[in-house]
């Protein structure tokens, strides 16, 4: 096995699924996040050791594309690899295969290494561990930040009051849970069409007791098959917590 590439299997169980028996978007993102952690751990970079050194990873942007959504009972292979750093941003790609080894999803992500004490982003050279870079495999260029067009009119979809059931061991809302927040802003008619792409840029963490106003744009056609809507999470002080784009299409 190439040490530059990590591979693991997952079976989509009932608690991973939505009402359509589709795998939840947040579940896929959670598996990807854990696969990245496992890959680093295989090179003796454990989460505990990293935190003990006063550092942590912060997810910046995700661009997840779905050829088809995994369904209940599917057995999946999830591969990931580290593509090195560009400036202060670290690049990691993911690919998901079905049981016939047909690719059904891919994701490009950017991360930053942060100083937990000073709460600032660190240069790549501050990372004291050696993790092999895979320059041969790639699912595309570095993902672009989500920028909601100024002409997009956003209206309040709902308000989320963050309670303890939403908080992880790090004291904040886990990155994967943001997908649930975004899909909760969509109508059932839109969700019935199936998500084909999900993009999100994180601006601030969400912690216990926060109030998040979730805004969305009206659905707009990208082409004959695809529509999209933009979603923004806004704190009570008016600051932006995240910007996202959901592309959906008829299956």
Protein backbone atom coordinates (compact mmCIF):
# COMPACT_ATOMS: atom_id res chain seq x y z
CA UNK A 1 0.00 0.00 0.00
CA UNK A 2 1.30 3.43 -0.98
CA UNK A 3 1.88 5.33 2.27
CA UNK A 4 0.98 8.55 0.49
CA UNK A 5 -2.60 7.36 0.03
CA UNK A 6 -5.00 6.20 2.77
CA UNK A 7 -7.89 3.84 2.02
CA UNK A 8 -10.75 2.58 4.21
CA UNK A 9 -14.18 1.00 3.85
CA UNK A 10 -17.59 2.10 5.13
CA UNK A 11 -21.00 0.51 4.91
CA UNK A 12 -23.97 2.87 4.77
CA UNK A 13 -26.20 1.83 7.69
CA UNK A 14 -29.67 3.03 8.62
CA UNK A 15 -28.45 5.70 11.04
CA UNK A 16 -26.33 7.19 8.23
CA UNK A 17 -29.37 7.76 5.99
CA UNK A 18 -32.03 10.37 5.41
CA UNK A 19 -35.72 9.81 4.68
CA UNK A 20 -34.89 8.81 1.08
CA UNK A 21 -32.47 6.08 2.24
CA UNK A 22 -29.65 8.22 0.86
CA UNK A 23 -26.45 8.62 2.83
CA UNK A 24 -26.47 11.95 4.63
CA UNK A 25 -24.12 14.57 3.25
CA UNK A 26 -22.86 15.21 6.78
CA UNK A 27 -22.02 11.51 7.18
CA UNK A 28 -19.87 11.55 4.04
CA UNK A 29 -18.08 14.66 5.26
CA UNK A 30 -17.56 13.14 8.70
CA UNK A 31 -16.05 9.99 7.19
CA UNK A 32 -13.75 12.10 5.04
CA UNK A 33 -12.61 14.12 8.03
CA UNK A 34 -11.88 10.97 10.03
CA UNK A 35 -10.05 9.39 7.09
CA UNK A 36 -7.74 12.40 6.96
CA UNK A 37 -7.10 12.08 10.70
CA UNK A 38 -6.38 8.36 10.30
CA UNK A 39 -3.98 9.02 7.45
CA UNK A 40 -2.03 11.47 9.58
CA UNK A 41 -2.10 9.06 12.54
CA UNK A 42 -0.55 6.38 10.32
CA UNK A 43 2.43 8.73 10.02
CA UNK A 44 2.61 9.17 13.82
CA UNK A 45 0.73 12.48 13.83
CA UNK A 46 -2.08 11.86 16.32
CA UNK A 47 -4.73 14.43 17.18
CA UNK A 48 -3.76 14.28 20.86
CA UNK A 49 -0.10 14.86 20.08
CA UNK A 50 -0.91 17.75 17.79
CA UNK A 51 -3.15 19.42 20.39
CA UNK A 52 -0.48 18.75 23.02
CA UNK A 53 1.89 20.77 20.85
CA UNK A 54 -0.59 23.65 20.88
CA UNK A 55 -1.72 23.18 17.28
CA UNK A 56 -4.84 22.05 15.47
CA UNK A 57 -6.25 21.80 11.96
CA UNK A 58 -8.91 24.25 10.80
CA UNK A 59 -10.98 23.38 7.75
CA UNK A 60 -11.29 26.33 5.38
CA UNK A 61 -13.10 25.24 2.22
CA UNK A 62 -14.76 22.07 0.88
CA UNK A 63 -15.80 21.37 -2.71
CA UNK A 64 -17.63 18.01 -2.78
CA UNK A 65 -18.95 16.63 -6.09
CA UNK A 66 -21.32 13.67 -6.27
CA UNK A 67 -21.82 11.51 -9.34
CA UNK A 68 -24.48 9.74 -7.30
CA UNK A 69 -25.42 9.76 -3.64
CA UNK A 70 -24.56 6.54 -1.78
CA UNK A 71 -27.60 4.66 -0.52
CA UNK A 72 -28.52 2.39 2.38
CA UNK A 73 -26.52 -0.84 2.28
CA UNK A 74 -23.82 0.44 -0.07
CA UNK A 75 -20.26 -0.60 0.73
CA UNK A 76 -17.90 2.26 -0.06
CA UNK A 77 -14.16 2.67 -0.42
CA UNK A 78 -12.86 6.06 0.67
CA UNK A 79 -9.37 7.15 -0.40
CA UNK A 80 -7.56 10.31 0.64
CA UNK A 81 -4.15 11.87 0.20
CA UNK A 82 -2.20 14.97 1.18
CA UNK A 83 -1.21 17.28 -1.71
CA UNK A 84 1.14 19.53 0.23
CA UNK A 85 0.81 23.18 1.19
CA UNK A 86 0.26 26.29 -0.88
CA UNK A 87 1.10 29.29 1.24
CA UNK A 88 -0.61 28.72 4.60
CA UNK A 89 -3.22 26.41 3.08
CA UNK A 90 -2.86 22.63 3.15
CA UNK A 91 -4.52 20.65 0.36
CA UNK A 92 -6.22 17.26 0.77
CA UNK A 93 -8.25 15.31 -1.79
CA UNK A 94 -10.78 12.50 -1.36
CA UNK A 95 -12.36 9.96 -3.71
CA UNK A 96 -15.29 7.61 -2.96
CA UNK A 97 -15.86 4.34 -4.86
CA UNK A 98 -18.78 1.93 -4.80
CA UNK A 99 -18.52 -1.87 -4.46
CA UNK A 100 -17.77 -2.16 -8.22
CA UNK A 101 -14.95 0.37 -7.79
CA UNK A 102 -16.86 2.97 -9.76
CA UNK A 103 -16.09 6.50 -8.58
CA UNK A 104 -19.22 8.12 -7.17
CA UNK A 105 -17.84 11.17 -5.33
CA UNK A 106 -14.77 13.35 -4.99
CA UNK A 107 -13.80 16.25 -2.78
CA UNK A 108 -11.13 18.93 -2.66
CA UNK A 109 -10.40 20.62 0.65
CA UNK A 110 -8.13 23.27 2.10
CA UNK A 111 -6.99 23.40 5.71
CA UNK A 112 -4.92 25.70 7.90
CA UNK A 113 -2.70 24.89 10.84
CA UNK A 114 -3.58 27.11 13.80
CA UNK A 115 -1.87 28.04 17.05
CA UNK A 116 -4.40 27.17 19.76
CA UNK A 117 -2.95 29.61 22.27
CA UNK A 118 -2.54 32.65 20.04
CA UNK A 119 -5.55 31.76 17.86
CA UNK A 120 -3.71 32.53 14.65
CA UNK A 121 -2.84 30.66 11.46
CA UNK A 122 0.66 29.20 11.28
CA UNK A 123 2.98 28.90 8.32
CA UNK A 124 3.37 25.45 6.80
CA UNK A 125 6.99 25.37 8.00
CA UNK A 126 5.72 25.36 11.62
CA UNK A 127 4.39 21.80 11.20
CA UNK A 128 7.02 19.63 12.94
CA UNK A 129 6.07 16.32 11.32
CA UNK A 130 6.91 14.63 8.05
CA UNK A 131 3.85 13.65 6.02
CA UNK A 132 4.49 12.37 2.48
CA UNK A 133 3.04 14.46 -0.32
CA UNK A 134 1.18 12.79 -3.18
CA UNK A 135 1.79 14.84 -6.32
CA UNK A 136 0.59 12.15 -8.72
CA UNK A 137 -3.08 11.90 -7.72
CA UNK A 138 -5.41 14.88 -7.92
CA UNK A 139 -9.11 15.52 -8.46
CA UNK A 140 -8.53 19.13 -9.47
CA UNK A 141 -7.08 22.47 -8.54
CA UNK A 142 -7.26 24.04 -5.09
CA UNK A 143 -10.94 24.75 -4.35
CA UNK A 144 -12.07 28.34 -4.58
CA UNK A 145 -13.68 30.07 -1.63
CA UNK A 146 -17.44 30.32 -1.77
CA UNK A 147 -18.40 33.89 -2.63
CA UNK A 148 -22.11 34.66 -2.72
CA UNK A 149 -22.81 37.08 -5.61
CA UNK A 150 -23.92 40.52 -4.52
CA UNK A 151 -26.99 40.26 -6.74
CA UNK A 152 -28.20 37.15 -4.89
CA UNK A 153 -31.05 38.12 -2.59
CA UNK A 154 -30.90 36.24 0.70
CA UNK A 155 -33.90 35.69 2.97
CA UNK A 156 -34.06 34.18 6.44
CA UNK A 157 -34.84 30.45 6.29
CA UNK A 158 -34.69 29.71 10.02
CA UNK A 159 -32.79 30.44 13.23
CA UNK A 160 -30.68 27.79 14.94
CA UNK A 161 -30.03 27.90 18.69
CA UNK A 162 -26.93 25.80 19.28
CA UNK A 163 -27.43 23.36 22.14
CA UNK A 164 -25.22 20.70 23.67
CA UNK A 165 -26.36 17.92 21.31
CA UNK A 166 -24.71 19.80 18.43
CA UNK A 167 -21.33 20.30 20.10
CA UNK A 168 -18.36 17.93 19.71
CA UNK A 169 -15.48 17.14 22.08
CA UNK A 170 -13.61 20.24 20.89
CA UNK A 171 -16.39 22.49 22.16
CA UNK A 172 -17.75 23.62 18.82
CA UNK A 173 -20.07 22.53 16.04
CA UNK A 174 -18.27 19.89 13.97
CA UNK A 175 -17.46 20.82 10.37
CA UNK A 176 -19.62 18.02 8.99
CA UNK A 177 -22.73 19.26 10.83
CA UNK A 178 -22.72 22.44 8.73
CA UNK A 179 -24.03 20.35 5.84
CA UNK A 180 -27.13 19.50 7.91
CA UNK A 181 -27.67 23.19 8.66
CA UNK A 182 -27.54 24.00 4.94
CA UNK A 183 -29.87 21.21 3.83
CA UNK A 184 -32.36 22.16 6.56
CA UNK A 185 -32.72 25.50 4.76
CA UNK A 186 -33.91 23.78 1.58
CA UNK A 187 -37.41 22.69 0.65
CA UNK A 188 -38.43 19.06 0.39
CA UNK A 189 -39.04 19.55 -3.33
CA UNK A 190 -35.45 20.70 -3.78
CA UNK A 191 -34.08 17.86 -1.67
CA UNK A 192 -36.06 15.32 -3.69
CA UNK A 193 -34.00 16.30 -6.73
CA UNK A 194 -30.74 15.13 -5.18
CA UNK A 195 -27.56 17.06 -4.30
CA UNK A 196 -24.84 16.90 -6.95
CA UNK A 197 -22.38 19.39 -5.46
CA UNK A 198 -21.79 21.00 -2.09
CA UNK A 199 -19.35 23.84 -1.51
CA UNK A 200 -18.73 25.60 1.79
CA UNK A 201 -16.24 28.09 3.20
CA UNK A 202 -15.95 28.38 6.97
CA UNK A 203 -15.33 31.82 8.45
CA UNK A 204 -15.89 31.40 12.20
CA UNK A 205 -16.48 28.53 14.60
CA UNK A 206 -19.93 27.96 16.12
CA UNK A 207 -20.02 27.18 19.83
CA UNK A 208 -22.54 26.29 22.53
CA UNK A 209 -25.17 28.98 23.05
CA UNK A 210 -24.65 30.66 19.69
CA UNK A 211 -27.63 31.82 17.69
CA UNK A 212 -27.24 31.25 13.96
CA UNK A 213 -29.53 32.95 11.46
CA UNK A 214 -29.54 30.80 8.32
CA UNK A 215 -30.22 32.70 5.10
CA UNK A 216 -30.72 31.32 1.60
CA UNK A 217 -31.21 32.55 -1.93
CA UNK A 218 -33.97 31.44 -4.25
CA UNK A 219 -33.14 28.48 -6.45
CA UNK A 220 -31.68 29.43 -9.81
CA UNK A 221 -31.03 27.33 -12.91
CA UNK A 222 -27.42 26.63 -13.87
CA UNK A 223 -28.37 24.61 -16.96
CA UNK A 224 -31.18 22.35 -18.18
CA UNK A 225 -30.66 19.89 -15.32
CA UNK A 226 -28.95 21.68 -12.45
CA UNK A 227 -30.17 24.33 -10.03
CA UNK A 228 -28.38 25.95 -7.12
CA UNK A 229 -28.98 28.03 -4.04
CA UNK A 230 -26.60 29.93 -1.79
CA UNK A 231 -26.75 29.63 1.99
CA UNK A 232 -25.19 31.84 4.65
CA UNK A 233 -24.89 31.42 8.38
CA UNK A 234 -24.88 34.69 10.28
CA UNK A 235 -24.15 35.33 13.95
CA UNK A 236 -26.33 37.54 16.15
CA UNK A 237 -23.77 40.34 15.79
CA UNK A 238 -24.17 40.24 12.01
CA UNK A 239 -20.84 38.58 11.24
CA UNK A 240 -20.70 35.77 8.67
CA UNK A 241 -20.06 32.27 10.01
CA UNK A 242 -20.08 30.38 6.71
CA UNK A 243 -21.02 30.70 3.05
CA UNK A 244 -22.20 27.68 1.06
CA UNK A 245 -23.54 26.65 -2.32
CA UNK A 246 -25.79 23.63 -2.90
CA UNK A 247 -26.28 22.33 -6.45
CA UNK A 248 -29.17 19.92 -6.95
CA UNK A 249 -30.52 18.03 -9.95
CA UNK A 250 -33.19 15.54 -10.88
CA UNK A 251 -32.08 11.93 -10.57
